[in-house]
PDB file of N, CA and C in Angstrom:
ATOM      1  N   MET A   1     -12.865 -17.192 -16.221  1.00  0.00           N
ATOM      2  CA  MET A   1     -12.256 -16.230 -16.738  1.00  0.00           C
ATOM      3  C   MET A   1     -11.964 -15.486 -15.561  1.00  0.00           C
ATOM      4  N   ASN A   2     -10.769 -15.028 -15.209  1.00  0.00           N
ATOM      5  CA  ASN A   2      -9.865 -13.880 -14.649  1.00  0.00           C
ATOM      6  C   ASN A   2     -10.354 -12.450 -14.952  1.00  0.00           C
ATOM      7  N   ALA A   3     -10.993 -11.778 -13.639  1.00  0.00           N
ATOM      8  CA  ALA A   3     -10.798 -10.355 -13.971  1.00  0.00           C
ATOM      9  C   ALA A   3      -9.416  -9.720 -14.097  1.00  0.00           C
ATOM     10  N   PRO A   4      -9.549  -8.600 -14.893  1.00  0.00           N
ATOM     11  CA  PRO A   4      -8.297  -7.905 -15.010  1.00  0.00           C
ATOM     12  C   PRO A   4      -7.741  -7.148 -13.835  1.00  0.00           C
ATOM     13  N   ARG A   5      -6.440  -7.309 -13.603  1.00  0.00           N
ATOM     14  CA  ARG A   5      -5.753  -6.684 -12.706  1.00  0.00           C
ATOM     15  C   ARG A   5      -5.859  -5.308 -12.456  1.00  0.00           C
ATOM     16  N   THR A   6      -5.663  -4.831 -11.443  1.00  0.00           N
ATOM     17  CA  THR A   6      -5.443  -3.369 -11.148  1.00  0.00           C
ATOM     18  C   THR A   6      -4.283  -2.945 -10.898  1.00  0.00           C
ATOM     19  N   PRO A   7      -3.903  -1.946 -11.915  1.00  0.00           N
ATOM     20  CA  PRO A   7      -2.740  -2.099 -11.868  1.00  0.00           C
ATOM     21  C   PRO A   7      -1.662  -1.333 -10.818  1.00  0.00           C
ATOM     22  N   LEU A   8      -0.141  -1.620 -10.747  1.00  0.00           N
ATOM     23  CA  LEU A   8       0.317  -1.625  -9.596  1.00  0.00           C
ATOM     24  C   LEU A   8       0.299   0.058  -9.475  1.00  0.00           C
ATOM     25  N   ILE A   9       0.626   0.963 -10.484  1.00  0.00           N
ATOM     26  CA  ILE A   9       0.971   2.292 -10.309  1.00  0.00           C
ATOM     27  C   ILE A   9       0.069   2.939 -11.339  1.00  0.00           C
ATOM     28  N   ASN A  10      -0.696   3.637 -10.548  1.00  0.00           N
ATOM     29  CA  ASN A  10      -1.894   4.452 -11.454  1.00  0.00           C
ATOM     30  C   ASN A  10      -0.870   6.045 -11.623  1.00  0.00           C
ATOM     31  N   THR A  11      -0.168   6.202 -12.539  1.00  0.00           N
ATOM     32  CA  THR A  11       0.708   7.686 -12.721  1.00  0.00           C
ATOM     33  C   THR A  11      -0.423   8.592 -13.049  1.00  0.00           C
ATOM     34  N   ARG A  12      -1.333   8.438 -13.713  1.00  0.00           N
ATOM     35  CA  ARG A  12      -2.221   9.358 -14.151  1.00  0.00           C
ATOM     36  C   ARG A  12      -3.013  10.334 -12.519  1.00  0.00           C
ATOM     37  N   GLN A  13      -3.240   9.414 -11.853  1.00  0.00           N
ATOM     38  CA  GLN A  13      -4.144   9.979 -10.402  1.00  0.00           C
ATOM     39  C   GLN A  13      -2.734  10.364  -9.829  1.00  0.00           C
ATOM     40  N   GLY A  14      -1.701   9.623  -9.274  1.00  0.00           N
ATOM     41  CA  GLY A  14      -0.563  10.245  -8.906  1.00  0.00           C
ATOM     42  C   GLY A  14      -0.051  11.222  -9.304  1.00  0.00           C
ATOM     43  N   LEU A  15       0.269  11.619 -10.584  1.00  0.00           N
ATOM     44  CA  LEU A  15       0.719  12.898 -10.858  1.00  0.00           C
ATOM     45  C   LEU A  15      -0.554  13.890 -11.076  1.00  0.00           C
ATOM     46  N   ALA A  16      -1.452  13.762 -10.884  1.00  0.00           N
ATOM     47  CA  ALA A  16      -2.621  14.753 -10.606  1.00  0.00           C
ATOM     48  C   ALA A  16      -2.401  15.319  -9.155  1.00  0.00           C
ATOM     49  N   LEU A  17      -1.980  14.239  -8.128  1.00  0.00           N
ATOM     50  CA  LEU A  17      -1.688  14.840  -6.615  1.00  0.00           C
ATOM     51  C   LEU A  17      -0.440  15.927  -6.748  1.00  0.00           C
ATOM     52  N   VAL A  18       0.071  16.233  -7.405  1.00  0.00           N
ATOM     53  CA  VAL A  18       1.074  17.119  -7.783  1.00  0.00           C
ATOM     54  C   VAL A  18       1.350  17.726  -8.816  1.00  0.00           C
ATOM     55  N   GLY A  19       0.287  18.235  -9.417  1.00  0.00           N
ATOM     56  CA  GLY A  19       0.195  19.406 -10.636  1.00  0.00           C
ATOM     57  C   GLY A  19       0.861  18.567 -11.984  1.00  0.00           C
ATOM     58  N   ASN A  20       0.872  17.258 -11.833  1.00  0.00           N
ATOM     59  CA  ASN A  20       2.057  16.906 -13.129  1.00  0.00           C
ATOM     60  C   ASN A  20       3.309  17.076 -13.299  1.00  0.00           C
ATOM     61  N   ASP A  21       3.639  17.278 -11.959  1.00  0.00           N
ATOM     62  CA  ASP A  21       4.947  17.464 -11.834  1.00  0.00           C
ATOM     63  C   ASP A  21       5.750  16.114 -11.679  1.00  0.00           C
ATOM     64  N   ARG A  22       6.385  15.614 -12.792  1.00  0.00           N
ATOM     65  CA  ARG A  22       6.993  13.898 -12.693  1.00  0.00           C
ATOM     66  C   ARG A  22       8.144  13.829 -11.662  1.00  0.00           C
ATOM     67  N   GLU A  23       8.742  15.063 -11.719  1.00  0.00           N
ATOM     68  CA  GLU A  23       9.843  14.921 -10.710  1.00  0.00           C
ATOM     69  C   GLU A  23       9.526  14.725  -9.149  1.00  0.00           C
ATOM     70  N   LEU A  24       8.421  15.686  -8.941  1.00  0.00           N
ATOM     71  CA  LEU A  24       7.876  15.822  -7.557  1.00  0.00           C
ATOM     72  C   LEU A  24       7.497  14.001  -7.153  1.00  0.00           C
ATOM     73  N   TYR A  25       6.428  13.682  -7.975  1.00  0.00           N
ATOM     74  CA  TYR A  25       5.505  12.402  -8.215  1.00  0.00           C
ATOM     75  C   TYR A  25       6.715  11.316  -8.174  1.00  0.00           C
ATOM     76  N   LEU A  26       8.056  11.121  -8.581  1.00  0.00           N
ATOM     77  CA  LEU A  26       8.863  10.057  -8.460  1.00  0.00           C
ATOM     78  C   LEU A  26       9.233  10.220  -7.060  1.00  0.00           C
ATOM     79  N   LEU A  27       9.917  11.504  -6.874  1.00  0.00           N
ATOM     80  CA  LEU A  27      10.052  11.415  -5.533  1.00  0.00           C
ATOM     81  C   LEU A  27       9.447  11.248  -4.499  1.00  0.00           C
ATOM     82  N   PHE A  28       8.316  11.272  -4.374  1.00  0.00           N
ATOM     83  CA  PHE A  28       7.021  10.753  -3.437  1.00  0.00           C
ATOM     84  C   PHE A  28       6.952   9.523  -3.451  1.00  0.00           C
ATOM     85  N   LEU A  29       7.025   8.761  -4.923  1.00  0.00           N
ATOM     86  CA  LEU A  29       6.846   7.250  -4.714  1.00  0.00           C
ATOM     87  C   LEU A  29       8.489   6.648  -4.228  1.00  0.00           C
ATOM     88  N   ARG A  30       9.511   7.417  -4.516  1.00  0.00           N
ATOM     89  CA  ARG A  30      11.122   6.795  -3.912  1.00  0.00           C
ATOM     90  C   ARG A  30      10.805   7.142  -2.436  1.00  0.00           C
ATOM     91  N   GLN A  31       9.999   8.060  -1.423  1.00  0.00           N
ATOM     92  CA  GLN A  31       9.844   7.819  -0.383  1.00  0.00           C
ATOM     93  C   GLN A  31       8.939   6.931   0.326  1.00  0.00           C
ATOM     94  N   PHE A  32       7.913   6.336  -0.648  1.00  0.00           N
ATOM     95  CA  PHE A  32       6.886   5.596  -0.368  1.00  0.00           C
ATOM     96  C   PHE A  32       7.907   4.425  -0.180  1.00  0.00           C
ATOM     97  N   SER A  33       8.725   3.992  -0.982  1.00  0.00           N
ATOM     98  CA  SER A  33       9.712   2.959  -0.655  1.00  0.00           C
ATOM     99  C   SER A  33      10.201   2.640   0.140  1.00  0.00           C
ATOM    100  N   GLN A  34      10.604   3.872   1.076  1.00  0.00           N
ATOM    101  CA  GLN A  34      11.536   3.932   2.470  1.00  0.00           C
ATOM    102  C   GLN A  34      10.715   4.163   3.362  1.00  0.00           C
ATOM    103  N   ASP A  35       9.408   4.136   3.444  1.00  0.00           N
ATOM    104  CA  ASP A  35       8.225   4.190   4.377  1.00  0.00           C
ATOM    105  C   ASP A  35       7.953   3.086   5.162  1.00  0.00           C
ATOM    106  N   ASP A  36       8.084   3.052   6.717  1.00  0.00           N
ATOM    107  CA  ASP A  36       8.093   1.952   7.542  1.00  0.00           C
ATOM    108  C   ASP A  36       6.655   1.732   7.863  1.00  0.00           C
ATOM    109  N   THR A  37       5.531   2.148   7.149  1.00  0.00           N
ATOM    110  CA  THR A  37       4.196   1.431   7.782  1.00  0.00           C
ATOM    111  C   THR A  37       4.419   0.039   7.668  1.00  0.00           C
ATOM    112  N   LEU A  38       4.692  -0.400   6.773  1.00  0.00           N
ATOM    113  CA  LEU A  38       4.132  -1.975   6.262  1.00  0.00           C
ATOM    114  C   LEU A  38       4.771  -2.581   7.362  1.00  0.00           C
ATOM    115  N   ARG A  39       5.984  -2.097   7.969  1.00  0.00           N
ATOM    116  CA  ARG A  39       6.659  -2.927   8.742  1.00  0.00           C
ATOM    117  C   ARG A  39       6.148  -2.744  10.115  1.00  0.00           C
ATOM    118  N   SER A  40       5.551  -1.495  10.472  1.00  0.00           N
ATOM    119  CA  SER A  40       4.842  -1.273  11.497  1.00  0.00           C
ATOM    120  C   SER A  40       3.648  -2.180  11.538  1.00  0.00           C
ATOM    121  N   LEU A  41       2.988  -2.336  10.780  1.00  0.00           N
ATOM    122  CA  LEU A  41       1.984  -3.081  10.491  1.00  0.00           C
ATOM    123  C   LEU A  41       2.203  -4.433  10.758  1.00  0.00           C
ATOM    124  N   ALA A  42       3.038  -5.152  10.286  1.00  0.00           N
ATOM    125  CA  ALA A  42       3.809  -6.434  10.594  1.00  0.00           C
ATOM    126  C   ALA A  42       3.943  -6.716  11.752  1.00  0.00           C
ATOM    127  N   ALA A  43       4.438  -5.401  12.770  1.00  0.00           N
ATOM    128  CA  ALA A  43       4.553  -5.808  13.870  1.00  0.00           C
ATOM    129  C   ALA A  43       3.635  -5.797  14.842  1.00  0.00           C
ATOM    130  N   ALA A  44       2.797  -4.888  14.537  1.00  0.00           N
ATOM    131  CA  ALA A  44       1.549  -4.908  15.313  1.00  0.00           C
ATOM    132  C   ALA A  44       0.750  -6.146  15.103  1.00  0.00           C
ATOM    133  N   LEU A  45       0.883  -6.704  13.879  1.00  0.00           N
ATOM    134  CA  LEU A  45       0.090  -7.828  13.871  1.00  0.00           C
ATOM    135  C   LEU A  45       0.909  -9.083  14.643  1.00  0.00           C
ATOM    136  N   ARG A  46       2.192  -9.395  14.719  1.00  0.00           N
ATOM    137  CA  ARG A  46       2.755 -10.398  15.288  1.00  0.00           C
ATOM    138  C   ARG A  46       2.890  -9.922  16.669  1.00  0.00           C
ATOM    139  N   ALA A  47       2.296  -8.530  17.441  1.00  0.00           N
ATOM    140  CA  ALA A  47       2.432  -8.607  18.837  1.00  0.00           C
ATOM    141  C   ALA A  47       1.016  -8.617  18.991  1.00  0.00           C
ATOM    142  N   GLY A  48       0.019  -8.664  17.963  1.00  0.00           N
ATOM    143  CA  GLY A  48      -1.199  -9.125  18.781  1.00  0.00           C
ATOM    144  C   GLY A  48      -2.072  -7.824  18.961  1.00  0.00           C
ATOM    145  N   ASP A  49      -1.566  -6.346  18.403  1.00  0.00           N
ATOM    146  CA  ASP A  49      -1.844  -5.180  18.840  1.00  0.00           C
ATOM    147  C   ASP A  49      -2.749  -4.884  17.863  1.00  0.00           C
ATOM    148  N   ALA A  50      -4.475  -5.231  17.749  1.00  0.00           N
ATOM    149  CA  ALA A  50      -5.375  -5.090  16.853  1.00  0.00           C
ATOM    150  C   ALA A  50      -5.373  -3.321  16.799  1.00  0.00           C
ATOM    151  N   PRO A  51      -5.721  -2.664  17.561  1.00  0.00           N
ATOM    152  CA  PRO A  51      -5.661  -1.479  17.112  1.00  0.00           C
ATOM    153  C   PRO A  51      -4.762  -0.681  16.295  1.00  0.00           C
ATOM    154  N   ALA A  52      -3.430  -0.815  16.801  1.00  0.00           N
ATOM    155  CA  ALA A  52      -2.129  -0.235  16.172  1.00  0.00           C
ATOM    156  C   ALA A  52      -2.473  -1.166  14.820  1.00  0.00           C
ATOM    157  N   ALA A  53      -2.720  -2.597  14.779  1.00  0.00           N
ATOM    158  CA  ALA A  53      -2.502  -2.776  12.982  1.00  0.00           C
ATOM    159  C   ALA A  53      -3.802  -2.119  12.177  1.00  0.00           C
ATOM    160  N   TYR A  54      -4.708  -1.926  12.776  1.00  0.00           N
ATOM    161  CA  TYR A  54      -5.826  -1.043  12.148  1.00  0.00           C
ATOM    162  C   TYR A  54      -5.178   0.168  11.564  1.00  0.00           C
ATOM    163  N   LEU A  55      -4.490   0.811  12.528  1.00  0.00           N
ATOM    164  CA  LEU A  55      -3.863   2.374  12.316  1.00  0.00           C
ATOM    165  C   LEU A  55      -2.876   2.226  11.216  1.00  0.00           C
ATOM    166  N   HIS A  56      -2.189   1.399  11.151  1.00  0.00           N
ATOM    167  CA  HIS A  56      -1.297   1.319   9.929  1.00  0.00           C
ATOM    168  C   HIS A  56      -1.441   0.879   8.919  1.00  0.00           C
ATOM    169  N   ALA A  57      -2.884  -0.320   8.895  1.00  0.00           N
ATOM    170  CA  ALA A  57      -3.413  -0.636   7.451  1.00  0.00           C
ATOM    171  C   ALA A  57      -3.925   0.348   7.043  1.00  0.00           C
ATOM    172  N   HIS A  58      -4.907   1.217   8.120  1.00  0.00           N
ATOM    173  CA  HIS A  58      -5.429   2.380   7.401  1.00  0.00           C
ATOM    174  C   HIS A  58      -4.264   3.247   6.835  1.00  0.00           C
ATOM    175  N   SER A  59      -3.406   3.720   7.494  1.00  0.00           N
ATOM    176  CA  SER A  59      -2.371   4.541   6.734  1.00  0.00           C
ATOM    177  C   SER A  59      -1.593   4.174   5.776  1.00  0.00           C
ATOM    178  N   LEU A  60      -1.547   2.695   5.665  1.00  0.00           N
ATOM    179  CA  LEU A  60      -0.531   2.552   4.219  1.00  0.00           C
ATOM    180  C   LEU A  60      -2.062   2.569   3.121  1.00  0.00           C
ATOM    181  N   LYS A  61      -3.177   2.492   3.605  1.00  0.00           N
ATOM    182  CA  LYS A  61      -4.278   2.536   2.260  1.00  0.00           C
ATOM    183  C   LYS A  61      -4.506   3.959   1.985  1.00  0.00           C
ATOM    184  N   GLY A  62      -4.258   4.884   2.919  1.00  0.00           N
ATOM    185  CA  GLY A  62      -4.295   6.477   2.849  1.00  0.00           C
ATOM    186  C   GLY A  62      -2.860   6.707   1.745  1.00  0.00           C
ATOM    187  N   LEU A  63      -1.743   6.445   2.356  1.00  0.00           N
ATOM    188  CA  LEU A  63      -0.750   6.381   1.315  1.00  0.00           C
ATOM    189  C   LEU A  63      -1.119   5.921  -0.144  1.00  0.00           C
ATOM    190  N   CYS A  64      -1.365   4.683  -0.356  1.00  0.00           N
ATOM    191  CA  CYS A  64      -1.702   4.279  -1.664  1.00  0.00           C
ATOM    192  C   CYS A  64      -2.721   5.141  -2.611  1.00  0.00           C
ATOM    193  N   ALA A  65      -3.752   5.320  -1.851  1.00  0.00           N
ATOM    194  CA  ALA A  65      -4.601   6.327  -2.674  1.00  0.00           C
ATOM    195  C   ALA A  65      -4.134   7.676  -2.885  1.00  0.00           C
ATOM    196  N   GLN A  66      -3.479   8.332  -2.342  1.00  0.00           N
ATOM    197  CA  GLN A  66      -2.608   9.752  -2.973  1.00  0.00           C
ATOM    198  C   GLN A  66      -1.900   9.380  -3.948  1.00  0.00           C
ATOM    199  N   LEU A  67      -0.887   8.260  -3.676  1.00  0.00           N
ATOM    200  CA  LEU A  67       0.072   8.060  -4.977  1.00  0.00           C
ATOM    201  C   LEU A  67      -0.429   7.230  -6.081  1.00  0.00           C
ATOM    202  N   GLY A  68      -1.530   6.816  -5.838  1.00  0.00           N
ATOM    203  CA  GLY A  68      -1.984   6.169  -7.252  1.00  0.00           C
ATOM    204  C   GLY A  68      -1.514   4.555  -6.988  1.00  0.00           C
ATOM    205  N   LEU A  69      -1.311   3.740  -6.132  1.00  0.00           N
ATOM    206  CA  LEU A  69      -1.034   2.615  -6.227  1.00  0.00           C
ATOM    207  C   LEU A  69      -2.172   2.003  -5.512  1.00  0.00           C
ATOM    208  N   ASP A  70      -2.590   1.721  -6.820  1.00  0.00           N
ATOM    209  CA  ASP A  70      -4.036   0.834  -7.074  1.00  0.00           C
ATOM    210  C   ASP A  70      -4.399  -0.501  -6.574  1.00  0.00           C
ATOM    211  N   ALA A  71      -3.497  -1.664  -6.789  1.00  0.00           N
ATOM    212  CA  ALA A  71      -3.167  -3.021  -6.443  1.00  0.00           C
ATOM    213  C   ALA A  71      -2.950  -2.995  -4.968  1.00  0.00           C
ATOM    214  N   LEU A  72      -2.285  -1.720  -4.464  1.00  0.00           N
ATOM    215  CA  LEU A  72      -1.447  -1.812  -2.906  1.00  0.00           C
ATOM    216  C   LEU A  72      -2.580  -1.245  -2.429  1.00  0.00           C
ATOM    217  N   PHE A  73      -3.249  -0.615  -2.921  1.00  0.00           N
ATOM    218  CA  PHE A  73      -4.475   0.087  -1.960  1.00  0.00           C
ATOM    219  C   PHE A  73      -5.525  -0.593  -1.889  1.00  0.00           C
ATOM    220  N   GLU A  74      -5.963  -1.858  -2.863  1.00  0.00           N
ATOM    221  CA  GLU A  74      -7.356  -2.734  -2.755  1.00  0.00           C
ATOM    222  C   GLU A  74      -6.726  -3.617  -1.801  1.00  0.00           C
ATOM    223  N   GLU A  75      -5.391  -3.891  -1.574  1.00  0.00           N
ATOM    224  CA  GLU A  75      -4.984  -4.991  -0.574  1.00  0.00           C
ATOM    225  C   GLU A  75      -4.828  -4.453   0.698  1.00  0.00           C
ATOM    226  N   ALA A  76      -4.641  -3.129   0.877  1.00  0.00           N
ATOM    227  CA  ALA A  76      -4.943  -2.498   2.227  1.00  0.00           C
ATOM    228  C   ALA A  76      -5.984  -2.516   2.732  1.00  0.00           C
ATOM    229  N   SER A  77      -7.192  -2.072   1.807  1.00  0.00           N
ATOM    230  CA  SER A  77      -8.749  -1.861   1.905  1.00  0.00           C
ATOM    231  C   SER A  77      -9.064  -3.249   2.627  1.00  0.00           C
ATOM    232  N   LEU A  78      -8.952  -4.181   1.940  1.00  0.00           N
ATOM    233  CA  LEU A  78      -9.459  -5.526   2.374  1.00  0.00           C
ATOM    234  C   LEU A  78      -8.848  -5.707   3.854  1.00  0.00           C
ATOM    235  N   LEU A  79      -7.806  -5.328   4.055  1.00  0.00           N
ATOM    236  CA  LEU A  79      -7.132  -5.737   5.342  1.00  0.00           C
ATOM    237  C   LEU A  79      -7.785  -4.646   6.539  1.00  0.00           C
ATOM    238  N   CYS A  80      -8.121  -3.352   5.879  1.00  0.00           N
ATOM    239  CA  CYS A  80      -8.453  -2.632   6.852  1.00  0.00           C
ATOM    240  C   CYS A  80     -10.043  -2.966   7.122  1.00  0.00           C
ATOM    241  N   THR A  81     -10.809  -3.469   6.339  1.00  0.00           N
ATOM    242  CA  THR A  81     -12.234  -3.914   6.346  1.00  0.00           C
ATOM    243  C   THR A  81     -11.916  -5.016   7.643  1.00  0.00           C
ATOM    244  N   LEU A  82     -11.524  -5.796   7.398  1.00  0.00           N
ATOM    245  CA  LEU A  82     -11.037  -6.965   8.323  1.00  0.00           C
ATOM    246  C   LEU A  82     -10.913  -6.486   9.896  1.00  0.00           C
ATOM    247  N   LEU A  83      -9.882  -5.605   9.839  1.00  0.00           N
ATOM    248  CA  LEU A  83      -9.275  -4.953  11.181  1.00  0.00           C
ATOM    249  C   LEU A  83      -9.996  -3.690  11.580  1.00  0.00           C
ATOM    250  N   ARG A  84     -11.244  -3.258  11.370  1.00  0.00           N
ATOM    251  CA  ARG A  84     -11.709  -1.969  11.333  1.00  0.00           C
ATOM    252  C   ARG A  84     -12.435  -2.045  12.904  1.00  0.00           C
ATOM    253  N   GLU A  85     -12.643  -3.507  13.185  1.00  0.00           N
ATOM    254  CA  GLU A  85     -13.261  -3.276  14.865  1.00  0.00           C
ATOM    255  C   GLU A  85     -12.207  -3.552  15.550  1.00  0.00           C
ATOM    256  N   GLU A  86     -10.953  -3.497  15.502  1.00  0.00           N
ATOM    257  CA  GLU A  86      -9.988  -3.303  16.213  1.00  0.00           C
ATOM    258  C   GLU A  86      -9.904  -4.656  17.481  1.00  0.00           C
ATOM    259  N   LYS A  87     -10.610  -5.740  17.041  1.00  0.00           N
ATOM    260  CA  LYS A  87     -10.687  -6.885  17.892  1.00  0.00           C
ATOM    261  C   LYS A  87      -9.588  -7.854  17.631  1.00  0.00           C
ATOM    262  N   PRO A  88      -8.876  -8.242  18.657  1.00  0.00           N
ATOM    263  CA  PRO A  88      -7.775  -9.071  18.373  1.00  0.00           C
ATOM    264  C   PRO A  88      -8.221 -10.837  17.915  1.00  0.00           C
ATOM    265  N   GLU A  89      -9.345 -10.891  18.083  1.00  0.00           N
ATOM    266  CA  GLU A  89      -9.943 -12.205  17.500  1.00  0.00           C
ATOM    267  C   GLU A  89      -9.840 -12.327  16.107  1.00  0.00           C
ATOM    268  N   ALA A  90      -9.701 -11.121  15.405  1.00  0.00           N
ATOM    269  CA  ALA A  90      -9.735 -10.588  13.806  1.00  0.00           C
ATOM    270  C   ALA A  90      -8.268 -10.902  13.261  1.00  0.00           C
ATOM    271  N   LEU A  91      -7.377 -11.054  14.136  1.00  0.00           N
ATOM    272  CA  LEU A  91      -5.659 -11.162  13.857  1.00  0.00           C
ATOM    273  C   LEU A  91      -5.522 -12.489  13.108  1.00  0.00           C
ATOM    274  N   PRO A  92      -5.918 -13.643  13.467  1.00  0.00           N
ATOM    275  CA  PRO A  92      -5.738 -14.902  13.030  1.00  0.00           C
ATOM    276  C   PRO A  92      -6.066 -14.632  11.656  1.00  0.00           C
ATOM    277  N   ALA A  93      -7.169 -14.006  11.208  1.00  0.00           N
ATOM    278  CA  ALA A  93      -8.208 -14.212   9.963  1.00  0.00           C
ATOM    279  C   ALA A  93      -7.253 -13.012   8.808  1.00  0.00           C
ATOM    280  N   ALA A  94      -6.421 -12.398   9.587  1.00  0.00           N
ATOM    281  CA  ALA A  94      -5.396 -11.061   8.907  1.00  0.00           C
ATOM    282  C   ALA A  94      -4.215 -11.735   8.335  1.00  0.00           C
ATOM    283  N   ALA A  95      -4.027 -12.991   8.389  1.00  0.00           N
ATOM    284  CA  ALA A  95      -2.626 -13.785   8.174  1.00  0.00           C
ATOM    285  C   ALA A  95      -2.888 -13.903   6.529  1.00  0.00           C
ATOM    286  N   ALA A  96      -3.749 -14.347   5.819  1.00  0.00           N
ATOM    287  CA  ALA A  96      -3.632 -14.492   4.238  1.00  0.00           C
ATOM    288  C   ALA A  96      -3.875 -13.204   3.915  1.00  0.00           C
ATOM    289  N   PRO A  97      -4.575 -11.865   4.204  1.00  0.00           N
ATOM    290  CA  PRO A  97      -4.576 -11.061   3.341  1.00  0.00           C
ATOM    291  C   PRO A  97      -3.461  -9.967   3.783  1.00  0.00           C
ATOM    292  N   PHE A  98      -2.700 -10.321   4.860  1.00  0.00           N
ATOM    293  CA  PHE A  98      -1.519  -9.918   5.034  1.00  0.00           C
ATOM    294  C   PHE A  98      -0.441 -10.510   3.975  1.00  0.00           C
ATOM    295  N   ALA A  99      -0.695 -11.548   3.926  1.00  0.00           N
ATOM    296  CA  ALA A  99       0.821 -12.463   3.005  1.00  0.00           C
ATOM    297  C   ALA A  99       0.550 -11.766   1.358  1.00  0.00           C
ATOM    298  N   ARG A 100      -0.975 -11.357   1.109  1.00  0.00           N
ATOM    299  CA  ARG A 100      -1.469 -10.921  -0.146  1.00  0.00           C
ATOM    300  C   ARG A 100      -0.561  -9.145  -0.033  1.00  0.00           C
ATOM    301  N   LEU A 101      -1.064  -8.629   0.828  1.00  0.00           N
ATOM    302  CA  LEU A 101      -0.467  -7.395   0.827  1.00  0.00           C
ATOM    303  C   LEU A 101       0.878  -7.149   0.606  1.00  0.00           C
ATOM    304  N   GLN A 102       1.881  -8.277   1.624  1.00  0.00           N
ATOM    305  CA  GLN A 102       3.054  -7.930   1.372  1.00  0.00           C
ATOM    306  C   GLN A 102       3.598  -8.376  -0.282  1.00  0.00           C
ATOM    307  N   SER A 103       2.858  -9.599  -0.778  1.00  0.00           N
ATOM    308  CA  SER A 103       3.265  -9.696  -2.002  1.00  0.00           C
ATOM    309  C   SER A 103       3.262  -8.404  -2.949  1.00  0.00           C
ATOM    310  N   VAL A 104       2.116  -7.808  -3.070  1.00  0.00           N
ATOM    311  CA  VAL A 104       1.704  -6.746  -3.760  1.00  0.00           C
ATOM    312  C   VAL A 104       2.666  -5.579  -3.817  1.00  0.00           C
ATOM    313  N   TYR A 105       3.067  -5.453  -2.608  1.00  0.00           N
ATOM    314  CA  TYR A 105       3.617  -4.316  -1.711  1.00  0.00           C
ATOM    315  C   TYR A 105       5.279  -4.649  -2.180  1.00  0.00           C
ATOM    316  N   ASP A 106       5.730  -5.731  -2.234  1.00  0.00           N
ATOM    317  CA  ASP A 106       6.892  -6.072  -2.876  1.00  0.00           C
ATOM    318  C   ASP A 106       7.326  -5.770  -4.595  1.00  0.00           C
ATOM    319  N   GLU A 107       5.773  -6.262  -4.991  1.00  0.00           N
ATOM    320  CA  GLU A 107       5.516  -5.958  -6.550  1.00  0.00           C
ATOM    321  C   GLU A 107       5.688  -4.359  -6.803  1.00  0.00           C
ATOM    322  N   THR A 108       5.136  -3.998  -5.770  1.00  0.00           N
ATOM    323  CA  THR A 108       4.965  -2.057  -6.332  1.00  0.00           C
ATOM    324  C   THR A 108       6.363  -1.417  -6.060  1.00  0.00           C
ATOM    325  N   VAL A 109       7.479  -1.889  -5.105  1.00  0.00           N
ATOM    326  CA  VAL A 109       8.103  -1.410  -4.545  1.00  0.00           C
ATOM    327  C   VAL A 109       9.111  -1.807  -6.027  1.00  0.00           C
ATOM    328  N   ALA A 110       9.546  -2.736  -6.155  1.00  0.00           N
ATOM    329  CA  ALA A 110      10.121  -3.221  -7.158  1.00  0.00           C
ATOM    330  C   ALA A 110       9.968  -2.495  -8.458  1.00  0.00           C
ATOM    331  N   ALA A 111       8.341  -2.286  -8.981  1.00  0.00           N
ATOM    332  CA  ALA A 111       7.952  -1.454  -9.995  1.00  0.00           C
ATOM    333  C   ALA A 111       8.419   0.196  -9.777  1.00  0.00           C
ATOM    334  N   ILE A 112       8.451   0.458  -8.642  1.00  0.00           N
ATOM    335  CA  ILE A 112       9.078   1.806  -8.107  1.00  0.00           C
ATOM    336  C   ILE A 112      10.963   1.980  -8.400  1.00  0.00           C
ATOM    337  N   ALA A 113      11.505   0.904  -8.048  1.00  0.00           N
ATOM    338  CA  ALA A 113      12.513   0.960  -8.467  1.00  0.00           C
ATOM    339  C   ALA A 113      13.092   1.135  -9.663  1.00  0.00           C
ATOM    340  N   ARG A 114      12.218   0.685 -10.760  1.00  0.00           N
ATOM    341  CA  ARG A 114      12.712   0.512 -12.078  1.00  0.00           C
ATOM    342  C   ARG A 114      12.365   1.893 -12.654  1.00  0.00           C
ATOM    343  N   CYS A 115      11.394   2.658 -12.139  1.00  0.00           N
ATOM    344  CA  CYS A 115      11.220   4.433 -12.675  1.00  0.00           C
ATOM    345  C   CYS A 115      12.251   5.083 -12.569  1.00  0.00           C
ATOM    346  N   ASP A 116      13.429   5.418 -13.249  1.00  0.00           N
ATOM    347  CA  ASP A 116      14.557   5.906 -12.873  1.00  0.00           C
ATOM    348  C   ASP A 116      14.452   7.429 -13.734  1.00  0.00           C
ATOM    349  N   ASP A 117      13.392   7.573 -14.670  1.00  0.00           N
ATOM    350  CA  ASP A 117      12.963   8.638 -15.118  1.00  0.00           C
ATOM    351  C   ASP A 117      11.905   9.622 -15.102  1.00  0.00           C
ATOM    352  N   PRO A 118      11.778  10.547 -14.771  1.00  0.00           N
ATOM    353  CA  PRO A 118      10.162  11.165 -14.654  1.00  0.00           C
ATOM    354  C   PRO A 118       9.713  11.002 -15.951  1.00  0.00           C
ATOM    355  N   ALA A 119      10.089  11.201 -16.584  1.00  0.00           N
ATOM    356  CA  ALA A 119       9.658  11.306 -18.422  1.00  0.00           C
ATOM    357  C   ALA A 119       8.757   9.484 -18.630  1.00  0.00           C
ATOM    358  N   SER A 120       9.392   8.646 -17.911  1.00  0.00           N
ATOM    359  CA  SER A 120       8.795   7.257 -17.895  1.00  0.00           C
ATOM    360  C   SER A 120       7.540   6.986 -17.276  1.00  0.00           C
ATOM    361  N   LEU A 121       7.335   7.900 -16.668  1.00  0.00           N
ATOM    362  CA  LEU A 121       5.965   7.869 -16.007  1.00  0.00           C
ATOM    363  C   LEU A 121       4.908   8.356 -16.547  1.00  0.00           C
TER     364      LEU A 121
END
């Protein structure tokens, strides 16, 4: 039996951050879609820069926590745990978790793109 999947967007949590201002929350979600933290994380992993990879994974985790992007937060948290020691030896093991993170990121950004009306949140 599979565990229930964490929702992509926890709107209740995200809306609480902005005092239930749906338009502002939607603006923040759209800004997240344009954020380059994931690209910076990917570049750091490719370059073998473990400290930078950890920094970007941790930044992404924080953004996700603030916006209520629960599924992406979980994947970023796993990657942060793996990279926490900032050792280059951990980078090969980061490939599979990063691939999952990328997949959930793509799903999350697609879900954000479908939110065209603050009332739909």
